[in-house]
Structure formats: structure tokens, C-alpha cells
Amino acid sequence: LVDPFCGSGTFPIEAAMMAANMAPGMNRSFLSEAWLHLIPKKNWYDAVGEAQEQINLNIETDIQGYDIDAAVVHSARENARRAGVEELIHFQQRPVSELQRDVADLKHSKKYGFIITNPPYGERLEDKKDLPQLYREFGESFKKLDSWSAYMITSYEDAQHYIGKKADKNRKIYNGMIKTYYYQYIGPKPPRREQRTSEI
């Protein structure tokens, strides 16, 4: 799984937490913890303890987050550390134009994979001029990953045009008050792994 516009690291961190079987909200408190007349404190302790026992950080993952901004990458690493999954994610300072090259690198070579990303929207006027090239570079890199899938959330209405390919599915959703599009480019499914059966 790769996020080439990782920002604060949300998608890679969530993916790592899911891979490690880490329950949502493990590192935060909840207002309802104070509702002792409804939920006894022991119930919270038991639930947290059970969730902690289910965590497995001794797993193999290939989750990568890229961003062109070094300060953003540093922040993403720090967020992953706070979430307890920093060892499961590889963050790098890279432009999206290097996406295909990095994935094709022997060290990270994967025939099948997912790109899940929330690229810049260009909400600020001075950033809008950069969007065509940004989405064009994404499209050129993704085109070479012909067995991968890509899922993108963006408010940029010309995204598909500059990516150079119409999405297989397109859903309109709202990010706060911003109308965004959820583009789904669905690649081929990998062949099923042969299940080993033991003789009785």
C-alpha cells in the first residue's frame, strides 16, 4: 500500500493499525469513560486489556508514505510513532513522479498493490496552477502500474482529465463543507493463493 501524498500519514497509519489488529481509539480517551453510572470503570479496563492482547506488531507489511515536503514527512513519522506503528511504515520524501520507479525498485517490488491517497485540492489560489502537472505526474506513474488499484479523494474537478483515465467508479462525498470526489481505479485481483491442506 502506497500513499504518494501522505501528508500527516493518516492512510498509512490507519492501514498499519488494521494490519496489526490494533483497535481504533487505542491511544485516546473517550468522554463516555466518565459515565460511571452507565459503564463501570472495570468494563473499560477489561475492554482495553482485551484489545491490547489482540495487537500483533510482529507482522510483515509493505506500507509506504511519500510526500515532497520534508517537514510533512517528519510529522507523519512522529504521528506513526505516537500511534505505535512506526516500525510498520516506510516514510520517504519523494515527489509523486517517482512513484512508479520506487514501486518497481527490487527492494519494494510488488506486482499487486493499492494506492490510497488524498492529494492536494488547490484550495488556495496560488496552488491551483500546480494541480494539472501534479495530477498528470500521478497519472503517468499509475499507468505503468497496470496491476495496481488506486483510490483517491479530491475536490479537483479536472483530476480525471489530467490523470488521463476515467475512474471505474466515482462517488461524490463531502470533506467538511468541501465537495469532493472519490475516484476508484480498480485493478485486477491477484490470483488466489493455494491453500495447503494437511493429511489426516
N, C-alpha and C. Protein backbone atom coordinates (compact mmCIF):
# COMPACT_ATOMS: atom_id res chain seq x y z
N LEU A 1 0.85 -1.18 0.00
CA LEU A 1 0.00 0.00 0.00
C LEU A 1 0.89 1.23 0.00
N VAL A 2 0.60 2.16 -0.90
CA VAL A 2 1.39 3.38 -1.01
C VAL A 2 0.46 4.59 -1.02
N ASP A 3 0.84 5.63 -0.26
CA ASP A 3 0.18 6.92 -0.32
C ASP A 3 1.22 7.94 -0.77
N PRO A 4 1.17 8.39 -2.04
CA PRO A 4 2.20 9.30 -2.54
C PRO A 4 2.00 10.75 -2.12
N PHE A 5 0.89 11.06 -1.47
CA PHE A 5 0.65 12.39 -0.89
C PHE A 5 0.27 12.18 0.58
N CYS A 6 1.17 11.63 1.37
CA CYS A 6 0.78 11.10 2.68
C CYS A 6 0.42 12.17 3.70
N GLY A 7 0.89 13.42 3.53
CA GLY A 7 0.55 14.46 4.49
C GLY A 7 0.91 14.03 5.91
N SER A 8 -0.04 14.09 6.80
CA SER A 8 0.21 13.74 8.21
C SER A 8 0.30 12.23 8.43
N GLY A 9 0.10 11.44 7.38
CA GLY A 9 0.27 9.99 7.48
C GLY A 9 -0.99 9.21 7.81
N THR A 10 -2.15 9.83 7.68
CA THR A 10 -3.40 9.20 8.11
C THR A 10 -3.63 7.83 7.47
N PHE A 11 -3.57 7.75 6.14
CA PHE A 11 -3.88 6.47 5.47
C PHE A 11 -2.85 5.39 5.81
N PRO A 12 -1.55 5.65 5.70
CA PRO A 12 -0.59 4.60 6.09
C PRO A 12 -0.73 4.17 7.55
N ILE A 13 -0.97 5.13 8.44
CA ILE A 13 -1.10 4.79 9.86
C ILE A 13 -2.34 3.93 10.10
N GLU A 14 -3.46 4.30 9.50
CA GLU A 14 -4.68 3.50 9.66
C GLU A 14 -4.48 2.10 9.10
N ALA A 15 -3.79 2.01 7.95
CA ALA A 15 -3.53 0.70 7.35
C ALA A 15 -2.66 -0.16 8.26
N ALA A 16 -1.63 0.45 8.86
CA ALA A 16 -0.75 -0.28 9.76
C ALA A 16 -1.49 -0.74 11.00
N MET A 17 -2.36 0.10 11.53
CA MET A 17 -3.14 -0.28 12.71
C MET A 17 -4.06 -1.45 12.39
N MET A 18 -4.67 -1.43 11.20
CA MET A 18 -5.52 -2.55 10.81
C MET A 18 -4.69 -3.82 10.65
N ALA A 19 -3.51 -3.70 10.03
CA ALA A 19 -2.66 -4.87 9.82
C ALA A 19 -2.22 -5.48 11.14
N ALA A 20 -1.98 -4.62 12.14
CA ALA A 20 -1.53 -5.09 13.46
C ALA A 20 -2.69 -5.46 14.38
N ASN A 21 -3.91 -5.42 13.85
CA ASN A 21 -5.10 -5.75 14.63
C ASN A 21 -5.23 -4.83 15.85
N MET A 22 -4.92 -3.56 15.63
CA MET A 22 -4.99 -2.56 16.69
C MET A 22 -6.36 -1.89 16.66
N ALA A 23 -7.07 -1.93 17.76
CA ALA A 23 -8.41 -1.37 17.82
C ALA A 23 -8.40 0.14 17.61
N PRO A 24 -9.39 0.69 16.91
CA PRO A 24 -9.48 2.15 16.76
C PRO A 24 -9.59 2.83 18.12
N GLY A 25 -8.92 3.96 18.26
CA GLY A 25 -9.02 4.73 19.50
C GLY A 25 -8.20 4.18 20.65
N MET A 26 -7.25 3.29 20.35
CA MET A 26 -6.45 2.71 21.43
C MET A 26 -5.65 3.75 22.19
N ASN A 27 -5.23 4.80 21.51
CA ASN A 27 -4.34 5.78 22.13
C ASN A 27 -5.06 7.08 22.49
N ARG A 28 -6.34 6.97 22.77
CA ARG A 28 -7.08 8.17 23.14
C ARG A 28 -8.08 7.83 24.24
N SER A 29 -8.62 8.87 24.84
CA SER A 29 -9.65 8.67 25.86
C SER A 29 -11.01 9.03 25.27
N PHE A 30 -12.06 8.59 25.94
CA PHE A 30 -13.42 8.83 25.47
C PHE A 30 -14.24 9.50 26.57
N LEU A 31 -15.09 10.43 26.18
CA LEU A 31 -15.94 11.13 27.13
C LEU A 31 -16.79 10.16 27.94
N SER A 32 -17.21 9.07 27.30
CA SER A 32 -18.10 8.12 27.96
C SER A 32 -17.41 7.35 29.09
N GLU A 33 -16.08 7.47 29.20
CA GLU A 33 -15.38 6.83 30.31
C GLU A 33 -15.80 7.44 31.65
N ALA A 34 -16.33 8.66 31.61
CA ALA A 34 -16.76 9.34 32.84
C ALA A 34 -18.20 9.01 33.20
N TRP A 35 -18.89 8.23 32.38
CA TRP A 35 -20.30 7.90 32.64
C TRP A 35 -20.36 6.67 33.55
N LEU A 36 -19.86 6.81 34.75
CA LEU A 36 -19.75 5.66 35.65
C LEU A 36 -21.10 5.09 36.05
N HIS A 37 -22.15 5.89 35.97
CA HIS A 37 -23.48 5.38 36.31
C HIS A 37 -24.03 4.47 35.20
N LEU A 38 -23.40 4.53 34.03
CA LEU A 38 -23.82 3.67 32.91
C LEU A 38 -22.82 2.55 32.62
N ILE A 39 -21.53 2.89 32.67
CA ILE A 39 -20.49 1.92 32.33
C ILE A 39 -19.47 1.86 33.47
N PRO A 40 -19.43 0.80 34.22
CA PRO A 40 -18.46 0.68 35.31
C PRO A 40 -17.02 0.79 34.80
N LYS A 41 -16.16 1.38 35.60
CA LYS A 41 -14.76 1.58 35.21
C LYS A 41 -14.09 0.25 34.85
N LYS A 42 -14.45 -0.81 35.57
CA LYS A 42 -13.84 -2.11 35.31
C LYS A 42 -14.10 -2.58 33.88
N ASN A 43 -15.28 -2.26 33.37
CA ASN A 43 -15.60 -2.66 31.99
C ASN A 43 -14.64 -2.02 30.99
N TRP A 44 -14.29 -0.75 31.25
CA TRP A 44 -13.33 -0.07 30.37
C TRP A 44 -11.97 -0.75 30.46
N TYR A 45 -11.51 -1.02 31.68
CA TYR A 45 -10.22 -1.65 31.86
C TYR A 45 -10.17 -3.02 31.16
N ASP A 46 -11.24 -3.78 31.33
CA ASP A 46 -11.28 -5.11 30.71
C ASP A 46 -11.26 -5.02 29.19
N ALA A 47 -12.03 -4.06 28.64
CA ALA A 47 -12.09 -3.90 27.18
C ALA A 47 -10.74 -3.47 26.61
N VAL A 48 -10.08 -2.53 27.30
CA VAL A 48 -8.76 -2.07 26.84
C VAL A 48 -7.74 -3.20 26.94
N GLY A 49 -7.78 -3.93 28.04
CA GLY A 49 -6.85 -5.05 28.20
C GLY A 49 -7.04 -6.10 27.12
N GLU A 50 -8.29 -6.42 26.81
CA GLU A 50 -8.56 -7.41 25.77
C GLU A 50 -8.07 -6.92 24.41
N ALA A 51 -8.28 -5.62 24.13
CA ALA A 51 -7.84 -5.06 22.85
C ALA A 51 -6.32 -5.08 22.74
N GLN A 52 -5.63 -4.80 23.84
CA GLN A 52 -4.17 -4.79 23.82
C GLN A 52 -3.61 -6.19 23.58
N GLU A 53 -4.28 -7.20 24.10
CA GLU A 53 -3.83 -8.57 23.90
C GLU A 53 -3.95 -9.01 22.44
N GLN A 54 -4.84 -8.36 21.69
CA GLN A 54 -5.06 -8.73 20.29
C GLN A 54 -4.04 -8.10 19.34
N ILE A 55 -3.29 -7.11 19.81
CA ILE A 55 -2.34 -6.41 18.93
C ILE A 55 -1.18 -7.34 18.59
N ASN A 56 -0.80 -7.33 17.30
CA ASN A 56 0.33 -8.13 16.83
C ASN A 56 1.22 -7.25 15.95
N LEU A 57 2.32 -6.78 16.52
CA LEU A 57 3.26 -5.94 15.77
C LEU A 57 4.34 -6.75 15.08
N ASN A 58 4.36 -8.05 15.31
CA ASN A 58 5.36 -8.92 14.67
C ASN A 58 4.82 -9.46 13.36
N ILE A 59 4.51 -8.55 12.46
CA ILE A 59 3.95 -8.92 11.16
C ILE A 59 4.77 -8.26 10.07
N GLU A 60 4.67 -8.82 8.87
CA GLU A 60 5.37 -8.26 7.73
C GLU A 60 4.40 -7.37 6.96
N THR A 61 4.79 -6.12 6.75
CA THR A 61 3.96 -5.19 5.99
C THR A 61 4.80 -4.49 4.93
N ASP A 62 4.15 -3.97 3.92
CA ASP A 62 4.82 -3.10 2.94
C ASP A 62 3.91 -1.89 2.75
N ILE A 63 3.97 -0.99 3.69
CA ILE A 63 3.16 0.23 3.69
C ILE A 63 4.10 1.41 3.57
N GLN A 64 3.87 2.24 2.56
CA GLN A 64 4.78 3.35 2.30
C GLN A 64 4.02 4.66 2.17
N GLY A 65 4.62 5.72 2.69
CA GLY A 65 4.04 7.05 2.57
C GLY A 65 5.07 8.01 2.02
N TYR A 66 4.73 8.71 0.94
CA TYR A 66 5.62 9.70 0.34
C TYR A 66 5.02 11.08 0.44
N ASP A 67 5.88 12.07 0.49
CA ASP A 67 5.45 13.46 0.35
C ASP A 67 6.66 14.27 -0.07
N ILE A 68 6.43 15.30 -0.84
CA ILE A 68 7.54 16.12 -1.34
C ILE A 68 8.09 17.05 -0.27
N ASP A 69 7.31 17.28 0.79
CA ASP A 69 7.66 18.21 1.85
C ASP A 69 8.34 17.46 3.00
N ALA A 70 9.61 17.78 3.27
CA ALA A 70 10.36 17.08 4.31
C ALA A 70 9.74 17.27 5.69
N ALA A 71 9.23 18.47 5.97
CA ALA A 71 8.63 18.73 7.27
C ALA A 71 7.37 17.89 7.46
N VAL A 72 6.63 17.70 6.39
CA VAL A 72 5.40 16.89 6.45
C VAL A 72 5.76 15.43 6.72
N VAL A 73 6.80 14.94 6.06
CA VAL A 73 7.23 13.56 6.28
C VAL A 73 7.68 13.36 7.72
N HIS A 74 8.39 14.33 8.27
CA HIS A 74 8.81 14.26 9.68
C HIS A 74 7.59 14.19 10.59
N SER A 75 6.58 14.98 10.29
CA SER A 75 5.35 14.98 11.10
C SER A 75 4.64 13.64 10.99
N ALA A 76 4.61 13.05 9.79
CA ALA A 76 3.96 11.75 9.59
C ALA A 76 4.66 10.67 10.41
N ARG A 77 5.99 10.70 10.41
CA ARG A 77 6.76 9.72 11.20
C ARG A 77 6.43 9.86 12.68
N GLU A 78 6.33 11.10 13.15
CA GLU A 78 6.01 11.35 14.56
C GLU A 78 4.62 10.85 14.90
N ASN A 79 3.66 11.06 14.00
CA ASN A 79 2.30 10.57 14.22
C ASN A 79 2.26 9.04 14.26
N ALA A 80 3.06 8.41 13.40
CA ALA A 80 3.12 6.95 13.40
C ALA A 80 3.73 6.44 14.70
N ARG A 81 4.73 7.17 15.21
CA ARG A 81 5.35 6.79 16.48
C ARG A 81 4.33 6.86 17.61
N ARG A 82 3.56 7.95 17.62
CA ARG A 82 2.55 8.11 18.67
C ARG A 82 1.48 7.02 18.59
N ALA A 83 1.20 6.58 17.38
CA ALA A 83 0.19 5.53 17.20
C ALA A 83 0.75 4.14 17.49
N GLY A 84 2.08 4.05 17.64
CA GLY A 84 2.70 2.76 17.96
C GLY A 84 2.94 1.87 16.76
N VAL A 85 2.96 2.45 15.54
CA VAL A 85 3.12 1.61 14.34
C VAL A 85 4.27 2.11 13.46
N GLU A 86 5.21 2.87 14.04
CA GLU A 86 6.28 3.45 13.21
C GLU A 86 7.15 2.40 12.53
N GLU A 87 7.25 1.21 13.14
CA GLU A 87 8.09 0.16 12.56
C GLU A 87 7.41 -0.53 11.37
N LEU A 88 6.13 -0.27 11.17
CA LEU A 88 5.39 -0.95 10.11
C LEU A 88 5.23 -0.10 8.85
N ILE A 89 5.73 1.15 8.88
CA ILE A 89 5.55 2.07 7.76
C ILE A 89 6.89 2.64 7.34
N HIS A 90 7.07 2.78 6.03
CA HIS A 90 8.29 3.38 5.48
C HIS A 90 7.91 4.73 4.87
N PHE A 91 8.30 5.82 5.52
CA PHE A 91 8.04 7.16 5.01
C PHE A 91 9.27 7.69 4.28
N GLN A 92 9.03 8.40 3.16
CA GLN A 92 10.11 8.99 2.40
C GLN A 92 9.72 10.35 1.86
N GLN A 93 10.71 11.22 1.69
CA GLN A 93 10.48 12.48 0.99
C GLN A 93 10.68 12.21 -0.50
N ARG A 94 9.60 12.16 -1.24
CA ARG A 94 9.65 11.86 -2.67
C ARG A 94 8.53 12.60 -3.40
N PRO A 95 8.78 13.03 -4.64
CA PRO A 95 7.69 13.58 -5.46
C PRO A 95 6.87 12.45 -6.06
N VAL A 96 5.64 12.73 -6.43
CA VAL A 96 4.77 11.69 -7.00
C VAL A 96 5.32 11.16 -8.32
N SER A 97 6.13 11.93 -9.00
CA SER A 97 6.69 11.49 -10.28
C SER A 97 7.59 10.27 -10.12
N GLU A 98 8.07 10.00 -8.90
CA GLU A 98 8.95 8.86 -8.66
C GLU A 98 8.19 7.64 -8.15
N LEU A 99 6.87 7.72 -8.12
CA LEU A 99 6.06 6.63 -7.58
C LEU A 99 6.32 5.32 -8.29
N GLN A 100 6.22 5.31 -9.61
CA GLN A 100 6.38 4.05 -10.35
C GLN A 100 7.78 3.50 -10.19
N ARG A 101 8.79 4.38 -10.21
CA ARG A 101 10.17 3.92 -10.09
C ARG A 101 10.41 3.26 -8.74
N ASP A 102 9.87 3.88 -7.69
CA ASP A 102 10.06 3.32 -6.35
C ASP A 102 9.39 1.97 -6.19
N VAL A 103 8.17 1.84 -6.72
CA VAL A 103 7.45 0.57 -6.60
C VAL A 103 8.14 -0.51 -7.40
N ALA A 104 8.73 -0.12 -8.55
CA ALA A 104 9.41 -1.09 -9.40
C ALA A 104 10.78 -1.48 -8.86
N ASP A 105 11.30 -0.70 -7.90
CA ASP A 105 12.59 -0.99 -7.30
C ASP A 105 12.57 -2.41 -6.72
N LEU A 106 13.65 -3.15 -6.91
CA LEU A 106 13.68 -4.54 -6.46
C LEU A 106 13.40 -4.67 -4.98
N LYS A 107 13.81 -3.66 -4.20
CA LYS A 107 13.61 -3.73 -2.76
C LYS A 107 12.13 -3.71 -2.39
N HIS A 108 11.32 -3.04 -3.21
CA HIS A 108 9.91 -2.90 -2.88
C HIS A 108 9.02 -3.48 -3.98
N SER A 109 9.57 -4.36 -4.81
CA SER A 109 8.84 -4.84 -5.98
C SER A 109 7.60 -5.63 -5.57
N LYS A 110 6.46 -5.19 -6.03
CA LYS A 110 5.20 -5.87 -5.78
C LYS A 110 4.37 -5.82 -7.06
N LYS A 111 3.90 -6.97 -7.51
CA LYS A 111 3.10 -6.99 -8.73
C LYS A 111 1.74 -6.37 -8.49
N TYR A 112 1.16 -6.63 -7.32
CA TYR A 112 -0.16 -6.10 -6.98
C TYR A 112 -0.04 -5.17 -5.77
N GLY A 113 -0.87 -4.15 -5.77
CA GLY A 113 -0.84 -3.24 -4.64
C GLY A 113 -1.95 -2.21 -4.73
N PHE A 114 -1.98 -1.34 -3.74
CA PHE A 114 -3.01 -0.30 -3.65
C PHE A 114 -2.35 1.06 -3.46
N ILE A 115 -2.87 2.04 -4.16
CA ILE A 115 -2.54 3.43 -3.90
C ILE A 115 -3.79 4.04 -3.28
N ILE A 116 -3.67 4.55 -2.08
CA ILE A 116 -4.79 5.19 -1.40
C ILE A 116 -4.31 6.57 -0.99
N THR A 117 -4.96 7.62 -1.50
CA THR A 117 -4.40 8.94 -1.31
C THR A 117 -5.43 10.05 -1.32
N ASN A 118 -5.04 11.16 -0.73
CA ASN A 118 -5.86 12.36 -0.65
C ASN A 118 -4.95 13.52 -1.09
N PRO A 119 -4.75 13.70 -2.41
CA PRO A 119 -3.79 14.69 -2.90
C PRO A 119 -4.26 16.12 -2.67
N PRO A 120 -3.37 17.09 -2.89
CA PRO A 120 -3.74 18.49 -2.69
C PRO A 120 -4.96 18.89 -3.52
N TYR A 121 -5.82 19.71 -2.91
CA TYR A 121 -7.03 20.17 -3.58
C TYR A 121 -6.81 21.47 -4.35
N GLY A 122 -5.78 22.24 -3.98
CA GLY A 122 -5.58 23.54 -4.59
C GLY A 122 -6.61 24.55 -4.14
N GLU A 123 -6.99 24.48 -2.86
CA GLU A 123 -7.98 25.42 -2.35
C GLU A 123 -7.44 26.85 -2.35
N ARG A 124 -6.12 26.99 -2.13
CA ARG A 124 -5.53 28.32 -2.21
C ARG A 124 -5.27 28.66 -3.68
N LEU A 125 -5.58 29.88 -4.06
CA LEU A 125 -5.50 30.30 -5.46
C LEU A 125 -4.10 30.09 -6.03
N GLU A 126 -3.06 30.35 -5.22
CA GLU A 126 -1.69 30.25 -5.73
C GLU A 126 -1.27 28.81 -5.99
N ASP A 127 -2.01 27.85 -5.41
CA ASP A 127 -1.66 26.44 -5.61
C ASP A 127 -2.35 25.82 -6.83
N LYS A 128 -3.41 26.43 -7.30
CA LYS A 128 -4.20 25.85 -8.39
C LYS A 128 -3.38 25.63 -9.65
N LYS A 129 -2.45 26.52 -9.92
CA LYS A 129 -1.67 26.42 -11.15
C LYS A 129 -0.79 25.17 -11.17
N ASP A 130 -0.49 24.60 -10.00
CA ASP A 130 0.37 23.42 -9.92
C ASP A 130 -0.40 22.12 -10.09
N LEU A 131 -1.72 22.17 -9.98
CA LEU A 131 -2.50 20.93 -9.96
C LEU A 131 -2.46 20.15 -11.27
N PRO A 132 -2.58 20.77 -12.44
CA PRO A 132 -2.52 19.95 -13.67
C PRO A 132 -1.27 19.09 -13.76
N GLN A 133 -0.10 19.67 -13.48
CA GLN A 133 1.14 18.90 -13.54
C GLN A 133 1.17 17.82 -12.47
N LEU A 134 0.68 18.14 -11.29
CA LEU A 134 0.66 17.18 -10.18
C LEU A 134 -0.15 15.93 -10.54
N TYR A 135 -1.37 16.15 -11.04
CA TYR A 135 -2.24 15.02 -11.38
C TYR A 135 -1.76 14.31 -12.65
N ARG A 136 -1.13 15.05 -13.54
CA ARG A 136 -0.56 14.42 -14.74
C ARG A 136 0.57 13.47 -14.36
N GLU A 137 1.42 13.89 -13.44
CA GLU A 137 2.52 13.03 -12.98
C GLU A 137 1.99 11.79 -12.27
N PHE A 138 0.92 11.98 -11.51
CA PHE A 138 0.31 10.82 -10.87
C PHE A 138 -0.20 9.85 -11.92
N GLY A 139 -0.90 10.36 -12.92
CA GLY A 139 -1.45 9.51 -13.98
C GLY A 139 -0.38 8.77 -14.75
N GLU A 140 0.72 9.45 -15.05
CA GLU A 140 1.80 8.81 -15.80
C GLU A 140 2.44 7.69 -14.99
N SER A 141 2.62 7.91 -13.69
CA SER A 141 3.20 6.87 -12.84
C SER A 141 2.24 5.70 -12.67
N PHE A 142 0.96 6.01 -12.44
CA PHE A 142 -0.02 4.96 -12.21
C PHE A 142 -0.24 4.10 -13.45
N LYS A 143 -0.12 4.70 -14.63
CA LYS A 143 -0.32 3.97 -15.88
C LYS A 143 0.65 2.80 -15.99
N LYS A 144 1.83 2.95 -15.44
CA LYS A 144 2.85 1.91 -15.53
C LYS A 144 2.65 0.81 -14.49
N LEU A 145 1.76 1.06 -13.53
CA LEU A 145 1.45 0.05 -12.51
C LEU A 145 0.13 -0.62 -12.89
N ASP A 146 0.16 -1.34 -14.00
CA ASP A 146 -1.09 -1.81 -14.62
C ASP A 146 -1.83 -2.89 -13.84
N SER A 147 -1.21 -3.45 -12.81
CA SER A 147 -1.92 -4.45 -12.00
C SER A 147 -2.22 -3.92 -10.59
N TRP A 148 -2.09 -2.62 -10.42
CA TRP A 148 -2.40 -1.99 -9.13
C TRP A 148 -3.77 -1.33 -9.18
N SER A 149 -4.32 -1.05 -8.01
CA SER A 149 -5.56 -0.29 -7.88
C SER A 149 -5.23 1.05 -7.23
N ALA A 150 -6.05 2.06 -7.54
CA ALA A 150 -5.85 3.38 -6.93
C ALA A 150 -7.18 3.93 -6.44
N TYR A 151 -7.16 4.50 -5.25
CA TYR A 151 -8.35 5.11 -4.65
C TYR A 151 -7.97 6.51 -4.21
N MET A 152 -8.69 7.50 -4.68
CA MET A 152 -8.32 8.90 -4.48
C MET A 152 -9.52 9.74 -4.06
N ILE A 153 -9.30 10.61 -3.08
CA ILE A 153 -10.30 11.60 -2.68
C ILE A 153 -9.75 12.97 -3.02
N THR A 154 -10.49 13.74 -3.82
CA THR A 154 -10.04 15.07 -4.20
C THR A 154 -11.23 15.96 -4.57
N SER A 155 -11.07 17.25 -4.40
CA SER A 155 -12.11 18.18 -4.82
C SER A 155 -11.79 18.77 -6.19
N TYR A 156 -10.65 18.39 -6.75
CA TYR A 156 -10.22 18.94 -8.04
C TYR A 156 -11.04 18.31 -9.16
N GLU A 157 -11.90 19.10 -9.76
CA GLU A 157 -12.86 18.56 -10.73
C GLU A 157 -12.21 18.09 -12.02
N ASP A 158 -11.02 18.57 -12.34
CA ASP A 158 -10.34 18.15 -13.57
C ASP A 158 -9.36 17.01 -13.33
N ALA A 159 -9.44 16.38 -12.16
CA ALA A 159 -8.47 15.33 -11.82
C ALA A 159 -8.44 14.22 -12.86
N GLN A 160 -9.58 13.69 -13.25
CA GLN A 160 -9.61 12.58 -14.20
C GLN A 160 -8.99 12.98 -15.54
N HIS A 161 -9.24 14.21 -15.94
CA HIS A 161 -8.71 14.68 -17.22
C HIS A 161 -7.18 14.63 -17.23
N TYR A 162 -6.56 15.12 -16.16
CA TYR A 162 -5.11 15.17 -16.13
C TYR A 162 -4.49 13.83 -15.75
N ILE A 163 -5.22 13.00 -15.01
CA ILE A 163 -4.76 11.64 -14.75
C ILE A 163 -4.71 10.86 -16.06
N GLY A 164 -5.61 11.21 -16.96
CA GLY A 164 -5.62 10.59 -18.29
C GLY A 164 -6.42 9.32 -18.37
N LYS A 165 -7.25 9.08 -17.38
CA LYS A 165 -8.05 7.86 -17.36
C LYS A 165 -9.30 8.10 -16.55
N LYS A 166 -10.43 7.65 -17.08
CA LYS A 166 -11.69 7.77 -16.34
C LYS A 166 -11.74 6.72 -15.25
N ALA A 167 -12.20 7.13 -14.08
CA ALA A 167 -12.29 6.20 -12.95
C ALA A 167 -13.33 5.13 -13.21
N ASP A 168 -13.09 3.94 -12.68
CA ASP A 168 -14.07 2.85 -12.79
C ASP A 168 -15.32 3.19 -11.99
N LYS A 169 -15.12 3.85 -10.86
CA LYS A 169 -16.25 4.30 -10.04
C LYS A 169 -15.95 5.70 -9.52
N ASN A 170 -17.00 6.50 -9.40
CA ASN A 170 -16.84 7.87 -8.93
C ASN A 170 -17.99 8.20 -8.00
N ARG A 171 -17.67 8.59 -6.78
CA ARG A 171 -18.70 8.94 -5.80
C ARG A 171 -18.45 10.35 -5.30
N LYS A 172 -19.49 11.13 -5.15
CA LYS A 172 -19.38 12.46 -4.57
C LYS A 172 -19.58 12.35 -3.06
N ILE A 173 -18.64 12.90 -2.32
CA ILE A 173 -18.73 12.90 -0.87
C ILE A 173 -18.29 14.28 -0.37
N TYR A 174 -18.55 14.57 0.88
CA TYR A 174 -18.17 15.86 1.43
C TYR A 174 -17.10 15.69 2.50
N ASN A 175 -16.05 16.49 2.39
CA ASN A 175 -15.00 16.56 3.39
C ASN A 175 -15.20 17.88 4.12
N GLY A 176 -15.92 17.84 5.23
CA GLY A 176 -16.37 19.08 5.86
C GLY A 176 -17.41 19.71 4.94
N MET A 177 -17.16 20.94 4.54
CA MET A 177 -18.07 21.64 3.63
C MET A 177 -17.58 21.58 2.18
N ILE A 178 -16.48 20.85 1.94
CA ILE A 178 -15.91 20.80 0.60
C ILE A 178 -16.46 19.58 -0.15
N LYS A 179 -17.02 19.82 -1.33
CA LYS A 179 -17.49 18.70 -2.15
C LYS A 179 -16.27 18.03 -2.78
N THR A 180 -16.14 16.74 -2.56
CA THR A 180 -15.01 16.01 -3.11
C THR A 180 -15.51 14.82 -3.92
N TYR A 181 -14.58 14.21 -4.62
CA TYR A 181 -14.88 13.05 -5.46
C TYR A 181 -14.01 11.88 -5.00
N TYR A 182 -14.63 10.74 -4.92
CA TYR A 182 -13.91 9.52 -4.55
C TYR A 182 -13.75 8.69 -5.81
N TYR A 183 -12.56 8.78 -6.41
CA TYR A 183 -12.27 8.07 -7.65
C TYR A 183 -11.69 6.70 -7.33
N GLN A 184 -12.23 5.68 -7.97
CA GLN A 184 -11.76 4.32 -7.76
C GLN A 184 -11.29 3.73 -9.09
N TYR A 185 -10.01 3.45 -9.16
CA TYR A 185 -9.41 2.78 -10.32
C TYR A 185 -9.09 1.36 -9.87
N ILE A 186 -9.90 0.44 -10.30
CA ILE A 186 -9.85 -0.93 -9.77
C ILE A 186 -9.01 -1.82 -10.68
N GLY A 187 -7.90 -2.30 -10.15
CA GLY A 187 -7.02 -3.18 -10.91
C GLY A 187 -7.44 -4.63 -10.80
N PRO A 188 -6.75 -5.53 -11.50
CA PRO A 188 -7.10 -6.95 -11.46
C PRO A 188 -6.84 -7.55 -10.09
N LYS A 189 -7.63 -8.53 -9.75
CA LYS A 189 -7.42 -9.21 -8.47
C LYS A 189 -6.23 -10.17 -8.60
N PRO A 190 -5.40 -10.24 -7.58
CA PRO A 190 -4.29 -11.20 -7.63
C PRO A 190 -4.82 -12.62 -7.58
N PRO A 191 -4.10 -13.57 -8.16
CA PRO A 191 -4.57 -14.96 -8.11
C PRO A 191 -4.65 -15.45 -6.68
N ARG A 192 -5.58 -16.32 -6.42
CA ARG A 192 -5.72 -16.86 -5.06
C ARG A 192 -4.54 -17.73 -4.72
N ARG A 193 -4.11 -17.58 -3.47
CA ARG A 193 -3.01 -18.42 -3.01
C ARG A 193 -3.53 -19.83 -2.77
N GLU A 194 -2.73 -20.81 -3.15
CA GLU A 194 -3.14 -22.20 -2.93
C GLU A 194 -3.08 -22.49 -1.43
N GLN A 195 -4.18 -23.00 -0.93
CA GLN A 195 -4.24 -23.34 0.49
C GLN A 195 -3.65 -24.73 0.71
N ARG A 196 -2.75 -24.79 1.67
CA ARG A 196 -2.14 -26.08 1.98
C ARG A 196 -3.05 -26.88 2.88
N THR A 197 -3.27 -28.09 2.53
CA THR A 197 -4.12 -28.97 3.37
C THR A 197 -3.24 -30.06 3.96
N SER A 198 -3.42 -30.32 5.21
CA SER A 198 -2.64 -31.36 5.86
C SER A 198 -3.39 -32.68 5.78
N GLU A 199 -2.63 -33.72 5.58
CA GLU A 199 -3.24 -35.05 5.50
C GLU A 199 -3.59 -35.53 6.90
N ILE A 200 -4.73 -36.14 7.01
CA ILE A 200 -5.19 -36.66 8.30
C ILE A 200 -4.83 -38.13 8.39
